[in-house]
PDB file of N, CA and C in Angstrom:
ATOM      1  N   UNK A   1     -36.365   3.138  -1.136  1.00  0.00           N
ATOM      2  CA  UNK A   1     -35.682   2.398  -0.093  1.00  0.00           C
ATOM      3  C   UNK A   1     -34.792   1.313  -0.693  1.00  0.00           C
ATOM      4  N   UNK A   2     -35.295   0.600  -1.694  1.00  0.00           N
ATOM      5  CA  UNK A   2     -34.514  -0.469  -2.314  1.00  0.00           C
ATOM      6  C   UNK A   2     -33.288   0.090  -3.010  1.00  0.00           C
ATOM      7  N   UNK A   3     -33.435   1.212  -3.721  1.00  0.00           N
ATOM      8  CA  UNK A   3     -32.284   1.793  -4.421  1.00  0.00           C
ATOM      9  C   UNK A   3     -31.206   2.244  -3.435  1.00  0.00           C
ATOM     10  N   UNK A   4     -31.614   2.724  -2.275  1.00  0.00           N
ATOM     11  CA  UNK A   4     -30.641   3.113  -1.269  1.00  0.00           C
ATOM     12  C   UNK A   4     -29.857   1.891  -0.796  1.00  0.00           C
ATOM     13  N   UNK A   5     -30.524   0.787  -0.636  1.00  0.00           N
ATOM     14  CA  UNK A   5     -29.842  -0.423  -0.213  1.00  0.00           C
ATOM     15  C   UNK A   5     -28.864  -0.906  -1.274  1.00  0.00           C
ATOM     16  N   UNK A   6     -29.221  -0.807  -2.534  1.00  0.00           N
ATOM     17  CA  UNK A   6     -28.332  -1.211  -3.619  1.00  0.00           C
ATOM     18  C   UNK A   6     -27.105  -0.303  -3.653  1.00  0.00           C
ATOM     19  N   UNK A   7     -27.317   0.995  -3.501  1.00  0.00           N
ATOM     20  CA  UNK A   7     -26.198   1.936  -3.490  1.00  0.00           C
ATOM     21  C   UNK A   7     -25.288   1.679  -2.285  1.00  0.00           C
ATOM     22  N   UNK A   8     -25.887   1.392  -1.156  1.00  0.00           N
ATOM     23  CA  UNK A   8     -25.106   1.083   0.040  1.00  0.00           C
ATOM     24  C   UNK A   8     -24.283  -0.173  -0.179  1.00  0.00           C
ATOM     25  N   UNK A   9     -24.887  -1.189  -0.776  1.00  0.00           N
ATOM     26  CA  UNK A   9     -24.162  -2.433  -1.055  1.00  0.00           C
ATOM     27  C   UNK A   9     -23.030  -2.214  -2.047  1.00  0.00           C
ATOM     28  N   UNK A  10     -23.268  -1.379  -3.059  1.00  0.00           N
ATOM     29  CA  UNK A  10     -22.208  -1.076  -4.026  1.00  0.00           C
ATOM     30  C   UNK A  10     -21.038  -0.386  -3.332  1.00  0.00           C
ATOM     31  N   UNK A  11     -21.351   0.574  -2.462  1.00  0.00           N
ATOM     32  CA  UNK A  11     -20.298   1.293  -1.738  1.00  0.00           C
ATOM     33  C   UNK A  11     -19.529   0.335  -0.822  1.00  0.00           C
ATOM     34  N   UNK A  12     -20.241  -0.556  -0.155  1.00  0.00           N
ATOM     35  CA  UNK A  12     -19.580  -1.533   0.710  1.00  0.00           C
ATOM     36  C   UNK A  12     -18.715  -2.496  -0.091  1.00  0.00           C
ATOM     37  N   UNK A  13     -19.169  -2.862  -1.275  1.00  0.00           N
ATOM     38  CA  UNK A  13     -18.408  -3.748  -2.147  1.00  0.00           C
ATOM     39  C   UNK A  13     -17.098  -3.086  -2.569  1.00  0.00           C
ATOM     40  N   UNK A  14     -17.149  -1.809  -2.902  1.00  0.00           N
ATOM     41  CA  UNK A  14     -15.952  -1.063  -3.284  1.00  0.00           C
ATOM     42  C   UNK A  14     -14.998  -0.982  -2.094  1.00  0.00           C
ATOM     43  N   UNK A  15     -15.542  -0.676  -0.921  1.00  0.00           N
ATOM     44  CA  UNK A  15     -14.711  -0.576   0.285  1.00  0.00           C
ATOM     45  C   UNK A  15     -14.058  -1.924   0.606  1.00  0.00           C
ATOM     46  N   UNK A  16     -14.811  -3.006   0.441  1.00  0.00           N
ATOM     47  CA  UNK A  16     -14.274  -4.340   0.695  1.00  0.00           C
ATOM     48  C   UNK A  16     -13.132  -4.652  -0.277  1.00  0.00           C
ATOM     49  N   UNK A  17     -13.303  -4.292  -1.542  1.00  0.00           N
ATOM     50  CA  UNK A  17     -12.258  -4.528  -2.546  1.00  0.00           C
ATOM     51  C   UNK A  17     -10.993  -3.744  -2.196  1.00  0.00           C
ATOM     52  N   UNK A  18     -11.158  -2.498  -1.743  1.00  0.00           N
ATOM     53  CA  UNK A  18     -10.005  -1.685  -1.352  1.00  0.00           C
ATOM     54  C   UNK A  18      -9.285  -2.296  -0.156  1.00  0.00           C
ATOM     55  N   UNK A  19     -10.044  -2.792   0.813  1.00  0.00           N
ATOM     56  CA  UNK A  19      -9.443  -3.415   1.993  1.00  0.00           C
ATOM     57  C   UNK A  19      -8.698  -4.696   1.616  1.00  0.00           C
ATOM     58  N   UNK A  20      -9.222  -5.439   0.657  1.00  0.00           N
ATOM     59  CA  UNK A  20      -8.560  -6.654   0.192  1.00  0.00           C
ATOM     60  C   UNK A  20      -7.224  -6.319  -0.470  1.00  0.00           C
ATOM     61  N   UNK A  21      -7.195  -5.247  -1.253  1.00  0.00           N
ATOM     62  CA  UNK A  21      -5.946  -4.801  -1.882  1.00  0.00           C
ATOM     63  C   UNK A  21      -4.945  -4.387  -0.806  1.00  0.00           C
ATOM     64  N   UNK A  22      -5.429  -3.655   0.224  1.00  0.00           N
ATOM     65  CA  UNK A  22      -4.563  -3.272   1.353  1.00  0.00           C
ATOM     66  C   UNK A  22      -3.969  -4.508   2.021  1.00  0.00           C
ATOM     67  N   UNK A  23      -4.808  -5.514   2.251  1.00  0.00           N
ATOM     68  CA  UNK A  23      -4.361  -6.746   2.898  1.00  0.00           C
ATOM     69  C   UNK A  23      -3.328  -7.484   2.050  1.00  0.00           C
ATOM     70  N   UNK A  24      -3.596  -7.613   0.756  1.00  0.00           N
ATOM     71  CA  UNK A  24      -2.657  -8.301  -0.135  1.00  0.00           C
ATOM     72  C   UNK A  24      -1.304  -7.590  -0.155  1.00  0.00           C
ATOM     73  N   UNK A  25      -1.330  -6.260  -0.192  1.00  0.00           N
ATOM     74  CA  UNK A  25      -0.088  -5.492  -0.185  1.00  0.00           C
ATOM     75  C   UNK A  25       0.663  -5.688   1.131  1.00  0.00           C
ATOM     76  N   UNK A  26      -0.056  -5.672   2.238  1.00  0.00           N
ATOM     77  CA  UNK A  26       0.576  -5.864   3.548  1.00  0.00           C
ATOM     78  C   UNK A  26       1.170  -7.260   3.681  1.00  0.00           C
ATOM     79  N   UNK A  27       0.455  -8.266   3.204  1.00  0.00           N
ATOM     80  CA  UNK A  27       0.972  -9.638   3.266  1.00  0.00           C
ATOM     81  C   UNK A  27       2.218  -9.801   2.400  1.00  0.00           C
ATOM     82  N   UNK A  28       2.224  -9.159   1.230  1.00  0.00           N
ATOM     83  CA  UNK A  28       3.405  -9.224   0.361  1.00  0.00           C
ATOM     84  C   UNK A  28       4.599  -8.552   1.018  1.00  0.00           C
ATOM     85  N   UNK A  29       4.358  -7.416   1.670  1.00  0.00           N
ATOM     86  CA  UNK A  29       5.448  -6.722   2.361  1.00  0.00           C
ATOM     87  C   UNK A  29       5.957  -7.561   3.531  1.00  0.00           C
ATOM     88  N   UNK A  30       5.046  -8.183   4.267  1.00  0.00           N
ATOM     89  CA  UNK A  30       5.457  -9.010   5.402  1.00  0.00           C
ATOM     90  C   UNK A  30       6.241 -10.239   4.937  1.00  0.00           C
ATOM     91  N   UNK A  31       5.906 -10.791   3.790  1.00  0.00           N
ATOM     92  CA  UNK A  31       6.666 -11.920   3.255  1.00  0.00           C
ATOM     93  C   UNK A  31       8.072 -11.466   2.863  1.00  0.00           C
ATOM     94  N   UNK A  32       8.193 -10.227   2.368  1.00  0.00           N
ATOM     95  CA  UNK A  32       9.476  -9.670   1.944  1.00  0.00           C
ATOM     96  C   UNK A  32      10.330  -9.264   3.151  1.00  0.00           C
ATOM     97  N   UNK A  33       9.709  -8.645   4.146  1.00  0.00           N
ATOM     98  CA  UNK A  33      10.395  -8.198   5.367  1.00  0.00           C
ATOM     99  C   UNK A  33       9.615  -8.789   6.547  1.00  0.00           C
ATOM    100  N   UNK A  34       9.969  -9.996   6.983  1.00  0.00           N
ATOM    101  CA  UNK A  34       9.167 -10.696   8.002  1.00  0.00           C
ATOM    102  C   UNK A  34       8.888  -9.912   9.285  1.00  0.00           C
ATOM    103  N   UNK A  35       9.834  -9.080   9.738  1.00  0.00           N
ATOM    104  CA  UNK A  35       9.621  -8.378  11.008  1.00  0.00           C
ATOM    105  C   UNK A  35       9.066  -6.965  10.828  1.00  0.00           C
ATOM    106  N   UNK A  36       8.540  -6.659   9.651  1.00  0.00           N
ATOM    107  CA  UNK A  36       8.129  -5.294   9.341  1.00  0.00           C
ATOM    108  C   UNK A  36       7.045  -4.764  10.288  1.00  0.00           C
ATOM    109  N   UNK A  37       6.164  -5.615  10.754  1.00  0.00           N
ATOM    110  CA  UNK A  37       5.068  -5.163  11.605  1.00  0.00           C
ATOM    111  C   UNK A  37       5.275  -5.492  13.081  1.00  0.00           C
ATOM    112  N   UNK A  38       6.499  -5.850  13.478  1.00  0.00           N
ATOM    113  CA  UNK A  38       6.752  -6.239  14.867  1.00  0.00           C
ATOM    114  C   UNK A  38       6.318  -5.182  15.879  1.00  0.00           C
ATOM    115  N   UNK A  39       6.497  -3.930  15.543  1.00  0.00           N
ATOM    116  CA  UNK A  39       6.123  -2.854  16.467  1.00  0.00           C
ATOM    117  C   UNK A  39       4.702  -2.355  16.218  1.00  0.00           C
ATOM    118  N   UNK A  40       3.978  -3.036  15.352  1.00  0.00           N
ATOM    119  CA  UNK A  40       2.580  -2.681  15.104  1.00  0.00           C
ATOM    120  C   UNK A  40       2.376  -1.637  14.036  1.00  0.00           C
ATOM    121  N   UNK A  41       3.430  -0.997  13.600  1.00  0.00           N
ATOM    122  CA  UNK A  41       3.296   0.007  12.546  1.00  0.00           C
ATOM    123  C   UNK A  41       4.564   0.016  11.694  1.00  0.00           C
ATOM    124  N   UNK A  42       4.499   0.742  10.609  1.00  0.00           N
ATOM    125  CA  UNK A  42       5.619   0.829   9.679  1.00  0.00           C
ATOM    126  C   UNK A  42       5.966   2.290   9.476  1.00  0.00           C
ATOM    127  N   UNK A  43       7.250   2.623   9.622  1.00  0.00           N
ATOM    128  CA  UNK A  43       7.716   3.966   9.285  1.00  0.00           C
ATOM    129  C   UNK A  43       8.185   3.924   7.838  1.00  0.00           C
ATOM    130  N   UNK A  44       7.621   4.791   7.040  1.00  0.00           N
ATOM    131  CA  UNK A  44       7.849   4.730   5.603  1.00  0.00           C
ATOM    132  C   UNK A  44       8.169   6.116   5.060  1.00  0.00           C
ATOM    133  N   UNK A  45       9.234   6.207   4.267  1.00  0.00           N
ATOM    134  CA  UNK A  45       9.586   7.438   3.560  1.00  0.00           C
ATOM    135  C   UNK A  45       9.893   7.072   2.123  1.00  0.00           C
ATOM    136  N   UNK A  46       9.447   7.909   1.204  1.00  0.00           N
ATOM    137  CA  UNK A  46       9.697   7.667  -0.216  1.00  0.00           C
ATOM    138  C   UNK A  46      10.445   8.866  -0.772  1.00  0.00           C
ATOM    139  N   UNK A  47      11.560   8.569  -1.414  1.00  0.00           N
ATOM    140  CA  UNK A  47      12.329   9.610  -2.103  1.00  0.00           C
ATOM    141  C   UNK A  47      12.342   9.277  -3.587  1.00  0.00           C
ATOM    142  N   UNK A  48      12.284  10.316  -4.397  1.00  0.00           N
ATOM    143  CA  UNK A  48      12.317  10.067  -5.837  1.00  0.00           C
ATOM    144  C   UNK A  48      13.282  11.026  -6.520  1.00  0.00           C
ATOM    145  N   UNK A  49      13.873  10.515  -7.572  1.00  0.00           N
ATOM    146  CA  UNK A  49      14.740  11.315  -8.423  1.00  0.00           C
ATOM    147  C   UNK A  49      14.402  10.870  -9.836  1.00  0.00           C
ATOM    148  N   UNK A  50      13.741  11.736 -10.558  1.00  0.00           N
ATOM    149  CA  UNK A  50      13.209  11.411 -11.874  1.00  0.00           C
ATOM    150  C   UNK A  50      12.213  10.265 -11.697  1.00  0.00           C
ATOM    151  N   UNK A  51      12.409   9.128 -12.305  1.00  0.00           N
ATOM    152  CA  UNK A  51      11.496   8.005 -12.132  1.00  0.00           C
ATOM    153  C   UNK A  51      12.095   6.893 -11.283  1.00  0.00           C
ATOM    154  N   UNK A  52      13.128   7.227 -10.507  1.00  0.00           N
ATOM    155  CA  UNK A  52      13.751   6.260  -9.605  1.00  0.00           C
ATOM    156  C   UNK A  52      13.250   6.533  -8.187  1.00  0.00           C
ATOM    157  N   UNK A  53      12.750   5.504  -7.533  1.00  0.00           N
ATOM    158  CA  UNK A  53      12.208   5.660  -6.188  1.00  0.00           C
ATOM    159  C   UNK A  53      13.026   4.853  -5.178  1.00  0.00           C
ATOM    160  N   UNK A  54      13.319   5.472  -4.045  1.00  0.00           N
ATOM    161  CA  UNK A  54      13.939   4.798  -2.918  1.00  0.00           C
ATOM    162  C   UNK A  54      12.948   4.848  -1.775  1.00  0.00           C
ATOM    163  N   UNK A  55      12.656   3.697  -1.208  1.00  0.00           N
ATOM    164  CA  UNK A  55      11.688   3.605  -0.134  1.00  0.00           C
ATOM    165  C   UNK A  55      12.420   3.201   1.137  1.00  0.00           C
ATOM    166  N   UNK A  56      12.278   4.005   2.165  1.00  0.00           N
ATOM    167  CA  UNK A  56      12.878   3.705   3.447  1.00  0.00           C
ATOM    168  C   UNK A  56      11.779   3.099   4.325  1.00  0.00           C
ATOM    169  N   UNK A  57      11.953   1.839   4.692  1.00  0.00           N
ATOM    170  CA  UNK A  57      10.981   1.129   5.517  1.00  0.00           C
ATOM    171  C   UNK A  57      11.656   0.788   6.835  1.00  0.00           C
ATOM    172  N   UNK A  58      11.132   1.363   7.899  1.00  0.00           N
ATOM    173  CA  UNK A  58      11.685   1.143   9.248  1.00  0.00           C
ATOM    174  C   UNK A  58      13.196   1.364   9.311  1.00  0.00           C
ATOM    175  N   UNK A  59      13.662   2.408   8.595  1.00  0.00           N
ATOM    176  CA  UNK A  59      15.073   2.782   8.681  1.00  0.00           C
ATOM    177  C   UNK A  59      15.997   2.120   7.680  1.00  0.00           C
ATOM    178  N   UNK A  60      15.487   1.264   6.812  1.00  0.00           N
ATOM    179  CA  UNK A  60      16.339   0.608   5.820  1.00  0.00           C
ATOM    180  C   UNK A  60      15.852   0.978   4.415  1.00  0.00           C
ATOM    181  N   UNK A  61      16.815   1.360   3.536  1.00  0.00           N
ATOM    182  CA  UNK A  61      16.474   1.768   2.175  1.00  0.00           C
ATOM    183  C   UNK A  61      16.307   0.577   1.243  1.00  0.00           C
ATOM    184  N   UNK A  62      15.295   0.678   0.383  1.00  0.00           N
ATOM    185  CA  UNK A  62      15.045  -0.316  -0.662  1.00  0.00           C
ATOM    186  C   UNK A  62      14.779   0.421  -1.966  1.00  0.00           C
ATOM    187  N   UNK A  63      15.251  -0.136  -3.043  1.00  0.00           N
ATOM    188  CA  UNK A  63      14.893   0.370  -4.356  1.00  0.00           C
ATOM    189  C   UNK A  63      13.485  -0.134  -4.652  1.00  0.00           C
ATOM    190  N   UNK A  64      12.693   0.656  -5.339  1.00  0.00           N
ATOM    191  CA  UNK A  64      11.314   0.250  -5.617  1.00  0.00           C
ATOM    192  C   UNK A  64      11.254  -1.076  -6.371  1.00  0.00           C
ATOM    193  N   UNK A  65      12.291  -1.367  -7.159  1.00  0.00           N
ATOM    194  CA  UNK A  65      12.313  -2.613  -7.933  1.00  0.00           C
ATOM    195  C   UNK A  65      12.529  -3.842  -7.040  1.00  0.00           C
ATOM    196  N   UNK A  66      13.048  -3.630  -5.834  1.00  0.00           N
ATOM    197  CA  UNK A  66      13.267  -4.731  -4.895  1.00  0.00           C
ATOM    198  C   UNK A  66      11.975  -5.180  -4.217  1.00  0.00           C
ATOM    199  N   UNK A  67      11.040  -4.248  -4.061  1.00  0.00           N
ATOM    200  CA  UNK A  67       9.816  -4.534  -3.323  1.00  0.00           C
ATOM    201  C   UNK A  67       8.892  -5.456  -4.111  1.00  0.00           C
ATOM    202  N   UNK A  68       8.051  -6.217  -3.411  1.00  0.00           N
ATOM    203  CA  UNK A  68       7.054  -7.034  -4.118  1.00  0.00           C
ATOM    204  C   UNK A  68       6.186  -6.119  -4.987  1.00  0.00           C
ATOM    205  N   UNK A  69       5.927  -6.519  -6.210  1.00  0.00           N
ATOM    206  CA  UNK A  69       5.214  -5.648  -7.151  1.00  0.00           C
ATOM    207  C   UNK A  69       3.828  -5.250  -6.651  1.00  0.00           C
ATOM    208  N   UNK A  70       3.116  -6.145  -5.979  1.00  0.00           N
ATOM    209  CA  UNK A  70       1.780  -5.807  -5.484  1.00  0.00           C
ATOM    210  C   UNK A  70       1.871  -4.709  -4.423  1.00  0.00           C
ATOM    211  N   UNK A  71       2.918  -4.737  -3.599  1.00  0.00           N
ATOM    212  CA  UNK A  71       3.094  -3.698  -2.583  1.00  0.00           C
ATOM    213  C   UNK A  71       3.486  -2.378  -3.238  1.00  0.00           C
ATOM    214  N   UNK A  72       4.422  -2.417  -4.162  1.00  0.00           N
ATOM    215  CA  UNK A  72       4.875  -1.186  -4.810  1.00  0.00           C
ATOM    216  C   UNK A  72       3.732  -0.534  -5.587  1.00  0.00           C
ATOM    217  N   UNK A  73       2.941  -1.305  -6.309  1.00  0.00           N
ATOM    218  CA  UNK A  73       1.793  -0.736  -7.037  1.00  0.00           C
ATOM    219  C   UNK A  73       0.823  -0.078  -6.066  1.00  0.00           C
ATOM    220  N   UNK A  74       0.565  -0.741  -4.947  1.00  0.00           N
ATOM    221  CA  UNK A  74      -0.351  -0.199  -3.936  1.00  0.00           C
ATOM    222  C   UNK A  74       0.216   1.088  -3.340  1.00  0.00           C
ATOM    223  N   UNK A  75       1.476   1.064  -2.974  1.00  0.00           N
ATOM    224  CA  UNK A  75       2.115   2.239  -2.395  1.00  0.00           C
ATOM    225  C   UNK A  75       2.140   3.393  -3.391  1.00  0.00           C
ATOM    226  N   UNK A  76       2.493   3.098  -4.623  1.00  0.00           N
ATOM    227  CA  UNK A  76       2.575   4.130  -5.658  1.00  0.00           C
ATOM    228  C   UNK A  76       1.212   4.786  -5.891  1.00  0.00           C
ATOM    229  N   UNK A  77       0.149   3.999  -5.776  1.00  0.00           N
ATOM    230  CA  UNK A  77      -1.202   4.563  -5.978  1.00  0.00           C
ATOM    231  C   UNK A  77      -1.571   5.539  -4.867  1.00  0.00           C
ATOM    232  N   UNK A  78      -0.897   5.430  -3.717  1.00  0.00           N
ATOM    233  CA  UNK A  78      -1.196   6.296  -2.579  1.00  0.00           C
ATOM    234  C   UNK A  78      -0.325   7.553  -2.545  1.00  0.00           C
ATOM    235  N   UNK A  79       0.727   7.580  -3.355  1.00  0.00           N
ATOM    236  CA  UNK A  79       1.647   8.724  -3.344  1.00  0.00           C
ATOM    237  C   UNK A  79       1.013   9.967  -3.955  1.00  0.00           C
ATOM    238  N   UNK A  80       1.361  11.101  -3.402  1.00  0.00           N
ATOM    239  CA  UNK A  80       0.922  12.386  -3.922  1.00  0.00           C
ATOM    240  C   UNK A  80       2.183  13.185  -4.223  1.00  0.00           C
ATOM    241  N   UNK A  81       2.289  13.651  -5.457  1.00  0.00           N
ATOM    242  CA  UNK A  81       3.476  14.423  -5.823  1.00  0.00           C
ATOM    243  C   UNK A  81       3.376  15.839  -5.267  1.00  0.00           C
ATOM    244  N   UNK A  82       4.500  16.299  -4.717  1.00  0.00           N
ATOM    245  CA  UNK A  82       4.564  17.685  -4.241  1.00  0.00           C
ATOM    246  C   UNK A  82       4.855  18.566  -5.435  1.00  0.00           C
ATOM    247  N   UNK A  83       4.167  19.701  -5.463  1.00  0.00           N
ATOM    248  CA  UNK A  83       4.362  20.634  -6.578  1.00  0.00           C
ATOM    249  C   UNK A  83       5.550  21.523  -6.345  1.00  0.00           C
TER     250      UNK A  83
END
C-alpha cells in the first residue's frame, strides 16, 4: 500500500511539473502576443523548410526565432514530424 502511494505521488509530481511548463509557455506567449487568448483558444499551424520554422498563431506568421524561447522549446517538444 505504501509503495503504491509513493508511485502515485511520483506520477502526480511529474504531471505537476508538466503543467507548470505548460503554464510558463502560455504566460510567455501571452506576454509576446497580449490578445492571443482573447477567444479562449489559439489556432496554431507550424510550417518547416529544412530547419527553418514558421508558426502561424491566430492567422499571423512568426519566425520561430521571434517567439519567446520558453514557448518555442515547449512547442517544439510537442511537434511530431510527418514521414
